[in-house]
């Protein structure tokens, strides 16, 4: 009985390891393709693209309708996310 349990546990560990390796491989491949597609822009560039003033942009940042990141003292926007319809999102991501 102990041998059977040991064999099942060993098989389960092998299967689990294979699945984790496959998931990590897929995640890394997706991250590499996504990384090359990212383009970050500044506050001024975002205002020009959206055709809004800085106060309006900051208001949208506060209410969570624009996704942005803080990199030190810089505020950056993912250009692709600027044109997603206004939905309440988490207001910022700090790096």
C-alpha atoms as a PDB file:
ATOM      1  CA  UNK A   1       0.000   0.000   0.000  1.00  0.00           C
ATOM      2  CA  UNK A   2       2.835   2.379   0.903  1.00  0.00           C
ATOM      3  CA  UNK A   3       4.533   1.621  -2.405  1.00  0.00           C
ATOM      4  CA  UNK A   4       1.356   2.455  -4.291  1.00  0.00           C
ATOM      5  CA  UNK A   5       0.955   5.766  -2.467  1.00  0.00           C
ATOM      6  CA  UNK A   6       4.602   6.594  -3.071  1.00  0.00           C
ATOM      7  CA  UNK A   7       4.208   5.839  -6.793  1.00  0.00           C
ATOM      8  CA  UNK A   8       1.030   7.962  -7.051  1.00  0.00           C
ATOM      9  CA  UNK A   9       2.693  10.854  -5.223  1.00  0.00           C
ATOM     10  CA  UNK A  10       5.767  10.638  -7.468  1.00  0.00           C
ATOM     11  CA  UNK A  11       3.601  10.547 -10.609  1.00  0.00           C
ATOM     12  CA  UNK A  12       1.544  13.479  -9.377  1.00  0.00           C
ATOM     13  CA  UNK A  13       4.698  15.525  -8.707  1.00  0.00           C
ATOM     14  CA  UNK A  14       6.035  14.794 -12.199  1.00  0.00           C
ATOM     15  CA  UNK A  15       2.761  15.804 -13.841  1.00  0.00           C
ATOM     16  CA  UNK A  16       2.545  18.938 -11.719  1.00  0.00           C
ATOM     17  CA  UNK A  17       6.146  19.884 -12.556  1.00  0.00           C
ATOM     18  CA  UNK A  18       5.483  19.427 -16.285  1.00  0.00           C
ATOM     19  CA  UNK A  19       2.339  21.565 -16.125  1.00  0.00           C
ATOM     20  CA  UNK A  20       4.115  24.332 -14.208  1.00  0.00           C
ATOM     21  CA  UNK A  21       7.011  24.306 -16.683  1.00  0.00           C
ATOM     22  CA  UNK A  22       4.581  24.536 -19.597  1.00  0.00           C
ATOM     23  CA  UNK A  23       2.651  27.400 -17.963  1.00  0.00           C
ATOM     24  CA  UNK A  24       5.884  29.306 -17.269  1.00  0.00           C
ATOM     25  CA  UNK A  25       7.043  28.799 -20.849  1.00  0.00           C
ATOM     26  CA  UNK A  26       3.729  30.115 -22.194  1.00  0.00           C
ATOM     27  CA  UNK A  27       3.826  33.067 -19.797  1.00  0.00           C
ATOM     28  CA  UNK A  28       7.383  33.997 -20.827  1.00  0.00           C
ATOM     29  CA  UNK A  29       6.512  33.788 -24.527  1.00  0.00           C
ATOM     30  CA  UNK A  30       3.457  35.979 -24.033  1.00  0.00           C
ATOM     31  CA  UNK A  31       5.435  38.470 -21.930  1.00  0.00           C
ATOM     32  CA  UNK A  32       8.094  38.775 -24.647  1.00  0.00           C
ATOM     33  CA  UNK A  33       5.546  39.522 -27.371  1.00  0.00           C
ATOM     34  CA  UNK A  34       3.642  41.937 -25.113  1.00  0.00           C
ATOM     35  CA  UNK A  35       6.807  43.731 -24.037  1.00  0.00           C
ATOM     36  CA  UNK A  36       7.640  44.673 -27.615  1.00  0.00           C
ATOM     37  CA  UNK A  37       4.143  46.102 -28.158  1.00  0.00           C
ATOM     38  CA  UNK A  38       4.169  48.476 -25.162  1.00  0.00           C
ATOM     39  CA  UNK A  39       4.585  52.173 -25.805  1.00  0.00           C
ATOM     40  CA  UNK A  40       4.463  54.594 -22.903  1.00  0.00           C
ATOM     41  CA  UNK A  41       3.728  58.288 -23.310  1.00  0.00           C
ATOM     42  CA  UNK A  42       3.940  61.324 -21.041  1.00  0.00           C
ATOM     43  CA  UNK A  43       1.176  63.498 -19.597  1.00  0.00           C
ATOM     44  CA  UNK A  44       1.638  66.082 -22.343  1.00  0.00           C
ATOM     45  CA  UNK A  45       1.483  63.465 -25.106  1.00  0.00           C
ATOM     46  CA  UNK A  46      -1.623  61.892 -23.555  1.00  0.00           C
ATOM     47  CA  UNK A  47      -3.347  65.288 -23.454  1.00  0.00           C
ATOM     48  CA  UNK A  48      -2.596  65.839 -27.137  1.00  0.00           C
ATOM     49  CA  UNK A  49      -3.804  62.378 -28.155  1.00  0.00           C
ATOM     50  CA  UNK A  50      -7.010  62.617 -26.123  1.00  0.00           C
ATOM     51  CA  UNK A  51      -7.505  66.303 -26.966  1.00  0.00           C
ATOM     52  CA  UNK A  52      -8.093  67.243 -23.344  1.00  0.00           C
ATOM     53  CA  UNK A  53      -6.458  69.679 -20.926  1.00  0.00           C
ATOM     54  CA  UNK A  54      -4.069  68.656 -18.150  1.00  0.00           C
ATOM     55  CA  UNK A  55      -6.659  69.326 -15.397  1.00  0.00           C
ATOM     56  CA  UNK A  56      -9.128  67.037 -17.187  1.00  0.00           C
ATOM     57  CA  UNK A  57      -6.455  64.368 -17.569  1.00  0.00           C
ATOM     58  CA  UNK A  58      -5.596  64.558 -13.858  1.00  0.00           C
ATOM     59  CA  UNK A  59      -9.298  64.347 -12.986  1.00  0.00           C
ATOM     60  CA  UNK A  60      -9.637  61.178 -15.057  1.00  0.00           C
ATOM     61  CA  UNK A  61      -6.562  59.774 -13.337  1.00  0.00           C
ATOM     62  CA  UNK A  62      -8.079  60.455  -9.901  1.00  0.00           C
ATOM     63  CA  UNK A  63     -11.458  58.951 -10.720  1.00  0.00           C
ATOM     64  CA  UNK A  64      -9.801  55.814 -12.125  1.00  0.00           C
ATOM     65  CA  UNK A  65     -10.957  56.139 -15.714  1.00  0.00           C
ATOM     66  CA  UNK A  66      -7.368  56.369 -17.008  1.00  0.00           C
ATOM     67  CA  UNK A  67      -4.773  53.726 -16.246  1.00  0.00           C
ATOM     68  CA  UNK A  68      -1.309  55.106 -15.528  1.00  0.00           C
ATOM     69  CA  UNK A  69       1.926  54.187 -13.847  1.00  0.00           C
ATOM     70  CA  UNK A  70       4.288  56.207 -11.695  1.00  0.00           C
ATOM     71  CA  UNK A  71       7.957  55.694 -12.434  1.00  0.00           C
ATOM     72  CA  UNK A  72       9.770  57.759  -9.853  1.00  0.00           C
ATOM     73  CA  UNK A  73       8.267  61.214 -10.235  1.00  0.00           C
ATOM     74  CA  UNK A  74       7.178  60.583 -13.840  1.00  0.00           C
ATOM     75  CA  UNK A  75       3.612  59.727 -14.797  1.00  0.00           C
ATOM     76  CA  UNK A  76       3.318  57.512 -17.850  1.00  0.00           C
ATOM     77  CA  UNK A  77       0.435  56.038 -19.826  1.00  0.00           C
ATOM     78  CA  UNK A  78       0.315  52.925 -21.960  1.00  0.00           C
ATOM     79  CA  UNK A  79      -0.690  54.346 -25.331  1.00  0.00           C
ATOM     80  CA  UNK A  80      -2.867  51.324 -26.174  1.00  0.00           C
ATOM     81  CA  UNK A  81      -4.869  51.678 -22.926  1.00  0.00           C
ATOM     82  CA  UNK A  82      -5.749  55.333 -23.493  1.00  0.00           C
ATOM     83  CA  UNK A  83      -8.449  54.468 -25.977  1.00  0.00           C
ATOM     84  CA  UNK A  84     -10.221  51.827 -23.908  1.00  0.00           C
ATOM     85  CA  UNK A  85     -13.709  53.123 -22.963  1.00  0.00           C
ATOM     86  CA  UNK A  86     -14.076  54.732 -19.545  1.00  0.00           C
ATOM     87  CA  UNK A  87     -14.443  51.953 -17.014  1.00  0.00           C
ATOM     88  CA  UNK A  88     -13.503  52.124 -13.398  1.00  0.00           C
ATOM     89  CA  UNK A  89     -10.099  50.549 -12.985  1.00  0.00           C
ATOM     90  CA  UNK A  90      -7.510  50.562 -10.285  1.00  0.00           C
ATOM     91  CA  UNK A  91      -6.196  54.106 -10.511  1.00  0.00           C
ATOM     92  CA  UNK A  92      -2.460  53.512 -10.712  1.00  0.00           C
ATOM     93  CA  UNK A  93       0.427  51.107 -10.570  1.00  0.00           C
ATOM     94  CA  UNK A  94       3.595  52.189  -8.817  1.00  0.00           C
ATOM     95  CA  UNK A  95       6.965  50.926  -9.993  1.00  0.00           C
END
